[in-house]
Amino acid sequence: MPLILAIETATKLCSVAVARDGKVLALCEVDSERHAHAEKVNVFVAEVMAEAGYSLKDLDAVAVGIGPGSYTGLRIGLSAAKGLCYVLGIPLIGINTLHTIARAALAEAPLFTGDVWAMVDARRMEVFAQPHDASGSALAPHAPLILSPEWAAEAHVLVCGDGADKATELWSYAPNVIHLHGVRPTAAAMFAEAERRMANGQFDDLAYLVPDYGKAANVTQPKKRAV
């Protein structure tokens, strides 16, 4: 029965949980507009371990959300997870944030039998999106998506995540789209995948695991000053 710590910081939600044998023992999280990840993630790690009654040395693995999502949030979460794994000598498990959102949605709507589109906000009307079936398995790789009336009119799905929440008005004109509001990538929804990966020995390389930002950063060169 592995004891697993889960860290998810890809969105405005900073979420940390610890579980044994699929049972969540403790959960700390905050959803903040000012991105409190840097000041909260290590505090939350200490708090969930204390609440669960274990020390860090008792951990068997650390699972961490790898995106897509916020550049800063992802770097903070992954750095914290890598540091713990390095010091403790335990495996690292990187988990797709959209998969976690889909799992969280299905936990809230267990009787839903259609496809679930998990969405992370990518600003304006763009999202990072990925379809899943009713068991939580991904049906296709994630990709950037522009939310439009045309897409909504053709969709027969459940949509969730902060990317879906920003398009509430769009869904109101799409009778075949079910919008499950307020679903976030809580660390509590990471353990089914983390335990599956651990049972199969599917771990990530501590040195080479990097965040999946969803798309390349938009980096521009500063304009040269006139001489």
C-alpha atoms as a PDB file:
ATOM      1  CA  MET A   1       0.000   0.000   0.000  1.00  0.00           C
ATOM      2  CA  PRO A   2       2.096   2.924  -1.244  1.00  0.00           C
ATOM      3  CA  LEU A   3       2.000   6.304   0.455  1.00  0.00           C
ATOM      4  CA  ILE A   4       1.949   8.928  -2.316  1.00  0.00           C
ATOM      5  CA  LEU A   5       2.186  12.698  -2.157  1.00  0.00           C
ATOM      6  CA  ALA A   6       0.498  14.649  -4.978  1.00  0.00           C
ATOM      7  CA  ILE A   7       1.247  18.239  -6.021  1.00  0.00           C
ATOM      8  CA  GLU A   8      -0.752  20.177  -8.623  1.00  0.00           C
ATOM      9  CA  THR A   9       0.098  23.811  -9.465  1.00  0.00           C
ATOM     10  CA  ALA A  10      -0.673  24.167 -13.193  1.00  0.00           C
ATOM     11  CA  THR A  11      -3.570  26.599 -12.692  1.00  0.00           C
ATOM     12  CA  LYS A  12      -4.505  29.237 -10.107  1.00  0.00           C
ATOM     13  CA  LEU A  13      -5.233  26.354  -7.743  1.00  0.00           C
ATOM     14  CA  CYS A  14      -2.335  25.283  -5.538  1.00  0.00           C
ATOM     15  CA  SER A  15      -3.257  21.792  -4.347  1.00  0.00           C
ATOM     16  CA  VAL A  16      -1.343  19.215  -2.291  1.00  0.00           C
ATOM     17  CA  ALA A  17      -2.629  15.884  -0.970  1.00  0.00           C
ATOM     18  CA  VAL A  18      -1.345  12.631   0.444  1.00  0.00           C
ATOM     19  CA  ALA A  19      -3.014   9.229   0.067  1.00  0.00           C
ATOM     20  CA  ARG A  20      -2.449   5.602   0.913  1.00  0.00           C
ATOM     21  CA  ASP A  21      -4.026   2.824  -1.129  1.00  0.00           C
ATOM     22  CA  GLY A  22      -6.221   5.325  -2.973  1.00  0.00           C
ATOM     23  CA  LYS A  23      -7.643   6.868   0.199  1.00  0.00           C
ATOM     24  CA  VAL A  24      -6.943  10.574   0.574  1.00  0.00           C
ATOM     25  CA  LEU A  25      -5.587  11.163   4.066  1.00  0.00           C
ATOM     26  CA  ALA A  26      -5.131  14.929   3.910  1.00  0.00           C
ATOM     27  CA  LEU A  27      -5.661  17.760   1.416  1.00  0.00           C
ATOM     28  CA  CYS A  28      -4.588  21.420   1.450  1.00  0.00           C
ATOM     29  CA  GLU A  29      -5.383  23.812  -1.369  1.00  0.00           C
ATOM     30  CA  VAL A  30      -6.029  27.444  -2.186  1.00  0.00           C
ATOM     31  CA  ASP A  31      -7.485  28.973  -5.359  1.00  0.00           C
ATOM     32  CA  SER A  32      -5.975  32.441  -5.588  1.00  0.00           C
ATOM     33  CA  GLU A  33      -5.928  35.087  -8.309  1.00  0.00           C
ATOM     34  CA  ARG A  34      -2.454  36.136  -7.206  1.00  0.00           C
ATOM     35  CA  HIS A  35      -0.899  32.685  -7.683  1.00  0.00           C
ATOM     36  CA  ALA A  36       0.181  31.757  -4.153  1.00  0.00           C
ATOM     37  CA  HIS A  37       2.085  28.664  -5.275  1.00  0.00           C
ATOM     38  CA  ALA A  38       5.588  29.779  -4.303  1.00  0.00           C
ATOM     39  CA  GLU A  39       4.607  30.630  -0.738  1.00  0.00           C
ATOM     40  CA  LYS A  40       2.119  27.804  -0.205  1.00  0.00           C
ATOM     41  CA  VAL A  41       3.303  24.592  -1.855  1.00  0.00           C
ATOM     42  CA  ASN A  42       5.995  23.625   0.679  1.00  0.00           C
ATOM     43  CA  VAL A  43       3.805  24.757   3.566  1.00  0.00           C
ATOM     44  CA  PHE A  44       1.004  22.546   2.254  1.00  0.00           C
ATOM     45  CA  VAL A  45       3.377  19.588   1.930  1.00  0.00           C
ATOM     46  CA  ALA A  46       4.303  19.908   5.604  1.00  0.00           C
ATOM     47  CA  GLU A  47       0.662  20.358   6.632  1.00  0.00           C
ATOM     48  CA  VAL A  48      -0.736  17.327   4.793  1.00  0.00           C
ATOM     49  CA  MET A  49       2.031  15.080   6.085  1.00  0.00           C
ATOM     50  CA  ALA A  50       1.412  16.243   9.654  1.00  0.00           C
ATOM     51  CA  GLU A  51      -2.360  15.827   9.330  1.00  0.00           C
ATOM     52  CA  ALA A  52      -1.938  12.329   7.885  1.00  0.00           C
ATOM     53  CA  GLY A  53       0.424  11.387  10.707  1.00  0.00           C
ATOM     54  CA  TYR A  54       3.429  10.531   8.528  1.00  0.00           C
ATOM     55  CA  SER A  55       6.868  11.988   7.938  1.00  0.00           C
ATOM     56  CA  LEU A  56       8.373  12.671   4.522  1.00  0.00           C
ATOM     57  CA  LYS A  57      10.599   9.616   4.965  1.00  0.00           C
ATOM     58  CA  ASP A  58       7.458   7.442   4.862  1.00  0.00           C
ATOM     59  CA  LEU A  59       6.624   8.476   1.280  1.00  0.00           C
ATOM     60  CA  ASP A  60       6.923   5.909  -1.520  1.00  0.00           C
ATOM     61  CA  ALA A  61       6.519   8.340  -4.446  1.00  0.00           C
ATOM     62  CA  VAL A  62       5.596  11.894  -5.424  1.00  0.00           C
ATOM     63  CA  ALA A  63       3.101  12.652  -8.196  1.00  0.00           C
ATOM     64  CA  VAL A  64       3.130  16.085  -9.792  1.00  0.00           C
ATOM     65  CA  GLY A  65       0.966  17.861 -12.351  1.00  0.00           C
ATOM     66  CA  ILE A  66       3.015  18.666 -15.451  1.00  0.00           C
ATOM     67  CA  GLY A  67       0.491  20.772 -17.364  1.00  0.00           C
ATOM     68  CA  PRO A  68      -0.529  22.205 -19.663  1.00  0.00           C
ATOM     69  CA  GLY A  69      -0.916  25.394 -17.700  1.00  0.00           C
ATOM     70  CA  SER A  70       0.869  28.315 -16.095  1.00  0.00           C
ATOM     71  CA  TYR A  71       4.594  28.605 -16.775  1.00  0.00           C
ATOM     72  CA  THR A  72       5.383  29.837 -13.265  1.00  0.00           C
ATOM     73  CA  GLY A  73       3.017  27.495 -11.461  1.00  0.00           C
ATOM     74  CA  LEU A  74       4.306  24.425 -13.263  1.00  0.00           C
ATOM     75  CA  ARG A  75       7.943  25.250 -12.565  1.00  0.00           C
ATOM     76  CA  ILE A  76       7.224  25.758  -8.861  1.00  0.00           C
ATOM     77  CA  GLY A  77       5.326  22.487  -8.479  1.00  0.00           C
ATOM     78  CA  LEU A  78       7.796  20.409 -10.458  1.00  0.00           C
ATOM     79  CA  SER A  79      10.782  21.893  -8.623  1.00  0.00           C
ATOM     80  CA  ALA A  80       9.209  21.040  -5.267  1.00  0.00           C
ATOM     81  CA  ALA A  81       8.421  17.477  -6.381  1.00  0.00           C
ATOM     82  CA  LYS A  82      11.879  16.899  -7.844  1.00  0.00           C
ATOM     83  CA  GLY A  83      13.550  18.208  -4.706  1.00  0.00           C
ATOM     84  CA  LEU A  84      11.584  15.818  -2.508  1.00  0.00           C
ATOM     85  CA  CYS A  85      12.244  12.832  -4.759  1.00  0.00           C
ATOM     86  CA  TYR A  86      15.979  13.602  -4.949  1.00  0.00           C
ATOM     87  CA  VAL A  87      16.412  13.986  -1.203  1.00  0.00           C
ATOM     88  CA  LEU A  88      14.230  11.007  -0.303  1.00  0.00           C
ATOM     89  CA  GLY A  89      15.402   8.741  -3.132  1.00  0.00           C
ATOM     90  CA  ILE A  90      11.866   7.924  -4.268  1.00  0.00           C
ATOM     91  CA  PRO A  91      10.172   7.819  -7.730  1.00  0.00           C
ATOM     92  CA  LEU A  92       8.649  10.794  -9.519  1.00  0.00           C
ATOM     93  CA  ILE A  93       5.359  10.476 -11.429  1.00  0.00           C
ATOM     94  CA  GLY A  94       4.357  13.280 -13.811  1.00  0.00           C
ATOM     95  CA  ILE A  95       0.622  13.487 -14.507  1.00  0.00           C
ATOM     96  CA  ASN A  96      -1.207  15.406 -17.243  1.00  0.00           C
ATOM     97  CA  THR A  97      -3.242  18.199 -15.644  1.00  0.00           C
ATOM     98  CA  LEU A  98      -6.111  17.756 -18.110  1.00  0.00           C
ATOM     99  CA  HIS A  99      -6.354  14.099 -17.102  1.00  0.00           C
ATOM    100  CA  THR A 100      -6.686  15.206 -13.473  1.00  0.00           C
ATOM    101  CA  ILE A 101      -9.446  17.660 -14.393  1.00  0.00           C
ATOM    102  CA  ALA A 102     -11.337  14.947 -16.263  1.00  0.00           C
ATOM    103  CA  ARG A 103     -11.027  12.601 -13.279  1.00  0.00           C
ATOM    104  CA  ALA A 104     -12.261  15.315 -10.932  1.00  0.00           C
ATOM    105  CA  ALA A 105     -15.261  15.958 -13.192  1.00  0.00           C
ATOM    106  CA  LEU A 106     -16.185  12.289 -13.372  1.00  0.00           C
ATOM    107  CA  ALA A 107     -16.014  12.066  -9.581  1.00  0.00           C
ATOM    108  CA  GLU A 108     -18.656  14.816  -9.465  1.00  0.00           C
ATOM    109  CA  ALA A 109     -20.762  13.256 -12.247  1.00  0.00           C
ATOM    110  CA  PRO A 110     -20.256   9.493 -11.836  1.00  0.00           C
ATOM    111  CA  LEU A 111     -23.341   8.604 -13.907  1.00  0.00           C
ATOM    112  CA  PHE A 112     -22.240  10.543 -16.980  1.00  0.00           C
ATOM    113  CA  THR A 113     -21.534   8.220 -19.924  1.00  0.00           C
ATOM    114  CA  GLY A 114     -20.410  10.587 -22.684  1.00  0.00           C
ATOM    115  CA  ASP A 115     -17.120  12.230 -23.548  1.00  0.00           C
ATOM    116  CA  VAL A 116     -15.508  14.715 -21.182  1.00  0.00           C
ATOM    117  CA  TRP A 117     -13.505  17.646 -22.538  1.00  0.00           C
ATOM    118  CA  ALA A 118     -11.132  18.983 -19.898  1.00  0.00           C
ATOM    119  CA  MET A 119     -10.029  22.572 -20.557  1.00  0.00           C
ATOM    120  CA  VAL A 120      -7.331  24.817 -19.084  1.00  0.00           C
ATOM    121  CA  ASP A 121      -7.504  28.555 -19.716  1.00  0.00           C
ATOM    122  CA  ALA A 122      -4.962  29.790 -22.265  1.00  0.00           C
ATOM    123  CA  ARG A 123      -6.236  33.417 -22.295  1.00  0.00           C
ATOM    124  CA  ARG A 124      -8.848  35.121 -24.463  1.00  0.00           C
ATOM    125  CA  MET A 125     -11.050  32.401 -26.015  1.00  0.00           C
ATOM    126  CA  GLU A 126      -8.245  29.879 -26.324  1.00  0.00           C
ATOM    127  CA  VAL A 127      -7.923  26.810 -24.116  1.00  0.00           C
ATOM    128  CA  PHE A 128      -5.753  23.742 -23.844  1.00  0.00           C
ATOM    129  CA  ALA A 129      -8.237  20.912 -24.299  1.00  0.00           C
ATOM    130  CA  GLN A 130      -8.306  17.117 -24.278  1.00  0.00           C
ATOM    131  CA  PRO A 131     -11.187  14.659 -24.708  1.00  0.00           C
ATOM    132  CA  HIS A 132     -11.647  11.715 -22.337  1.00  0.00           C
ATOM    133  CA  ASP A 133     -14.145   8.886 -22.216  1.00  0.00           C
ATOM    134  CA  ALA A 134     -16.412   8.174 -19.252  1.00  0.00           C
ATOM    135  CA  SER A 135     -13.713   6.025 -17.618  1.00  0.00           C
ATOM    136  CA  GLY A 136     -11.270   8.928 -17.635  1.00  0.00           C
ATOM    137  CA  SER A 137      -9.063   7.589 -20.443  1.00  0.00           C
ATOM    138  CA  ALA A 138      -7.745  10.123 -22.951  1.00  0.00           C
ATOM    139  CA  LEU A 139      -9.196   9.807 -26.447  1.00  0.00           C
ATOM    140  CA  ALA A 140      -6.635  12.059 -28.154  1.00  0.00           C
ATOM    141  CA  PRO A 141      -3.594  14.166 -27.276  1.00  0.00           C
ATOM    142  CA  HIS A 142      -4.250  17.594 -25.823  1.00  0.00           C
ATOM    143  CA  ALA A 143      -4.064  20.601 -28.126  1.00  0.00           C
ATOM    144  CA  PRO A 144      -4.823  24.346 -28.165  1.00  0.00           C
ATOM    145  CA  LEU A 145      -8.442  25.053 -29.096  1.00  0.00           C
ATOM    146  CA  ILE A 146     -10.262  28.294 -29.904  1.00  0.00           C
ATOM    147  CA  LEU A 147     -13.719  28.172 -28.338  1.00  0.00           C
ATOM    148  CA  SER A 148     -16.270  29.300 -30.913  1.00  0.00           C
ATOM    149  CA  PRO A 149     -20.037  29.089 -31.480  1.00  0.00           C
ATOM    150  CA  GLU A 150     -19.316  26.685 -34.353  1.00  0.00           C
ATOM    151  CA  TRP A 151     -17.398  24.263 -32.133  1.00  0.00           C
ATOM    152  CA  ALA A 152     -20.015  24.487 -29.384  1.00  0.00           C
ATOM    153  CA  ALA A 153     -22.857  23.855 -31.856  1.00  0.00           C
ATOM    154  CA  GLU A 154     -21.285  20.618 -33.076  1.00  0.00           C
ATOM    155  CA  ALA A 155     -20.195  19.281 -29.681  1.00  0.00           C
ATOM    156  CA  HIS A 156     -22.126  16.679 -27.692  1.00  0.00           C
ATOM    157  CA  VAL A 157     -19.899  16.587 -24.615  1.00  0.00           C
ATOM    158  CA  LEU A 158     -19.367  17.586 -21.008  1.00  0.00           C
ATOM    159  CA  VAL A 159     -16.908  20.476 -20.636  1.00  0.00           C
ATOM    160  CA  CYS A 160     -15.026  21.341 -17.448  1.00  0.00           C
ATOM    161  CA  GLY A 161     -12.036  23.204 -16.057  1.00  0.00           C
ATOM    162  CA  ASP A 162     -11.256  26.904 -15.791  1.00  0.00           C
ATOM    163  CA  GLY A 163     -11.030  27.076 -19.583  1.00  0.00           C
ATOM    164  CA  ALA A 164     -14.657  25.986 -19.837  1.00  0.00           C
ATOM    165  CA  ASP A 165     -15.780  28.229 -16.996  1.00  0.00           C
ATOM    166  CA  LYS A 166     -14.721  31.396 -18.824  1.00  0.00           C
ATOM    167  CA  ALA A 167     -17.106  30.536 -21.700  1.00  0.00           C
ATOM    168  CA  THR A 168     -20.332  30.247 -19.702  1.00  0.00           C
ATOM    169  CA  GLU A 169     -22.234  32.459 -22.153  1.00  0.00           C
ATOM    170  CA  LEU A 170     -21.103  30.300 -25.076  1.00  0.00           C
ATOM    171  CA  TRP A 171     -22.420  27.126 -23.447  1.00  0.00           C
ATOM    172  CA  SER A 172     -25.790  28.758 -22.766  1.00  0.00           C
ATOM    173  CA  TYR A 173     -26.398  28.694 -26.525  1.00  0.00           C
ATOM    174  CA  ALA A 174     -25.192  25.095 -26.940  1.00  0.00           C
ATOM    175  CA  PRO A 175     -27.980  22.730 -25.811  1.00  0.00           C
ATOM    176  CA  ASN A 176     -25.884  19.600 -26.380  1.00  0.00           C
ATOM    177  CA  VAL A 177     -22.997  20.785 -24.211  1.00  0.00           C
ATOM    178  CA  ILE A 178     -23.083  20.074 -20.469  1.00  0.00           C
ATOM    179  CA  HIS A 179     -20.971  22.570 -18.540  1.00  0.00           C
ATOM    180  CA  LEU A 180     -19.828  21.306 -15.137  1.00  0.00           C
ATOM    181  CA  HIS A 181     -18.768  24.510 -13.412  1.00  0.00           C
ATOM    182  CA  GLY A 182     -15.989  24.866 -10.859  1.00  0.00           C
ATOM    183  CA  VAL A 183     -14.005  21.703 -11.611  1.00  0.00           C
ATOM    184  CA  ARG A 184     -10.330  22.187 -10.775  1.00  0.00           C
ATOM    185  CA  PRO A 185      -7.289  19.897 -10.986  1.00  0.00           C
ATOM    186  CA  THR A 186      -7.317  19.002  -7.315  1.00  0.00           C
ATOM    187  CA  ALA A 187      -4.458  16.822  -6.132  1.00  0.00           C
ATOM    188  CA  ALA A 188      -7.089  14.510  -4.637  1.00  0.00           C
ATOM    189  CA  ALA A 189      -7.978  13.392  -8.182  1.00  0.00           C
ATOM    190  CA  MET A 190      -4.422  12.339  -9.066  1.00  0.00           C
ATOM    191  CA  PHE A 191      -4.118   9.143  -7.081  1.00  0.00           C
ATOM    192  CA  ALA A 192      -5.852   6.634  -9.362  1.00  0.00           C
ATOM    193  CA  GLU A 193      -3.380   7.438 -12.139  1.00  0.00           C
ATOM    194  CA  ALA A 194      -0.444   7.705  -9.748  1.00  0.00           C
ATOM    195  CA  GLU A 195      -1.140   4.277  -8.255  1.00  0.00           C
ATOM    196  CA  ARG A 196      -1.621   2.724 -11.686  1.00  0.00           C
ATOM    197  CA  ARG A 197       1.715   4.112 -12.821  1.00  0.00           C
ATOM    198  CA  MET A 198       3.432   2.985  -9.653  1.00  0.00           C
ATOM    199  CA  ALA A 199       2.047  -0.549  -9.919  1.00  0.00           C
ATOM    200  CA  ASN A 200       3.418  -0.754 -13.464  1.00  0.00           C
ATOM    201  CA  GLY A 201       6.755   0.797 -12.585  1.00  0.00           C
ATOM    202  CA  GLN A 202       6.115   3.723 -14.940  1.00  0.00           C
ATOM    203  CA  PHE A 203       8.184   6.478 -13.395  1.00  0.00           C
ATOM    204  CA  ASP A 204       9.644   9.650 -14.863  1.00  0.00           C
ATOM    205  CA  ASP A 205      13.302  10.549 -15.059  1.00  0.00           C
ATOM    206  CA  LEU A 206      14.126  12.961 -12.267  1.00  0.00           C
ATOM    207  CA  ALA A 207      16.585  14.889 -14.413  1.00  0.00           C
ATOM    208  CA  TYR A 208      14.648  15.050 -17.663  1.00  0.00           C
ATOM    209  CA  LEU A 209      10.969  15.480 -16.746  1.00  0.00           C
ATOM    210  CA  VAL A 210       9.911  18.979 -17.816  1.00  0.00           C
ATOM    211  CA  PRO A 211       6.596  20.851 -17.694  1.00  0.00           C
ATOM    212  CA  ASP A 212       4.230  20.544 -20.645  1.00  0.00           C
ATOM    213  CA  TYR A 213       3.287  24.176 -21.162  1.00  0.00           C
ATOM    214  CA  GLY A 214       0.836  23.367 -23.980  1.00  0.00           C
ATOM    215  CA  LYS A 215       2.651  25.483 -26.529  1.00  0.00           C
ATOM    216  CA  ALA A 216       5.942  27.305 -26.856  1.00  0.00           C
ATOM    217  CA  ALA A 217       6.431  30.526 -24.965  1.00  0.00           C
ATOM    218  CA  ASN A 218       5.839  33.683 -26.989  1.00  0.00           C
ATOM    219  CA  VAL A 219       9.309  35.170 -26.710  1.00  0.00           C
ATOM    220  CA  THR A 220      10.212  38.290 -28.654  1.00  0.00           C
ATOM    221  CA  GLN A 221      13.458  40.144 -29.061  1.00  0.00           C
ATOM    222  CA  PRO A 222      13.565  43.688 -27.651  1.00  0.00           C
ATOM    223  CA  LYS A 223      13.712  46.423 -30.228  1.00  0.00           C
ATOM    224  CA  LYS A 224      17.135  47.932 -30.799  1.00  0.00           C
ATOM    225  CA  ARG A 225      17.514  51.471 -29.629  1.00  0.00           C
ATOM    226  CA  ALA A 226      18.371  54.053 -32.196  1.00  0.00           C
ATOM    227  CA  VAL A 227      21.980  55.150 -32.001  1.00  0.00           C
END
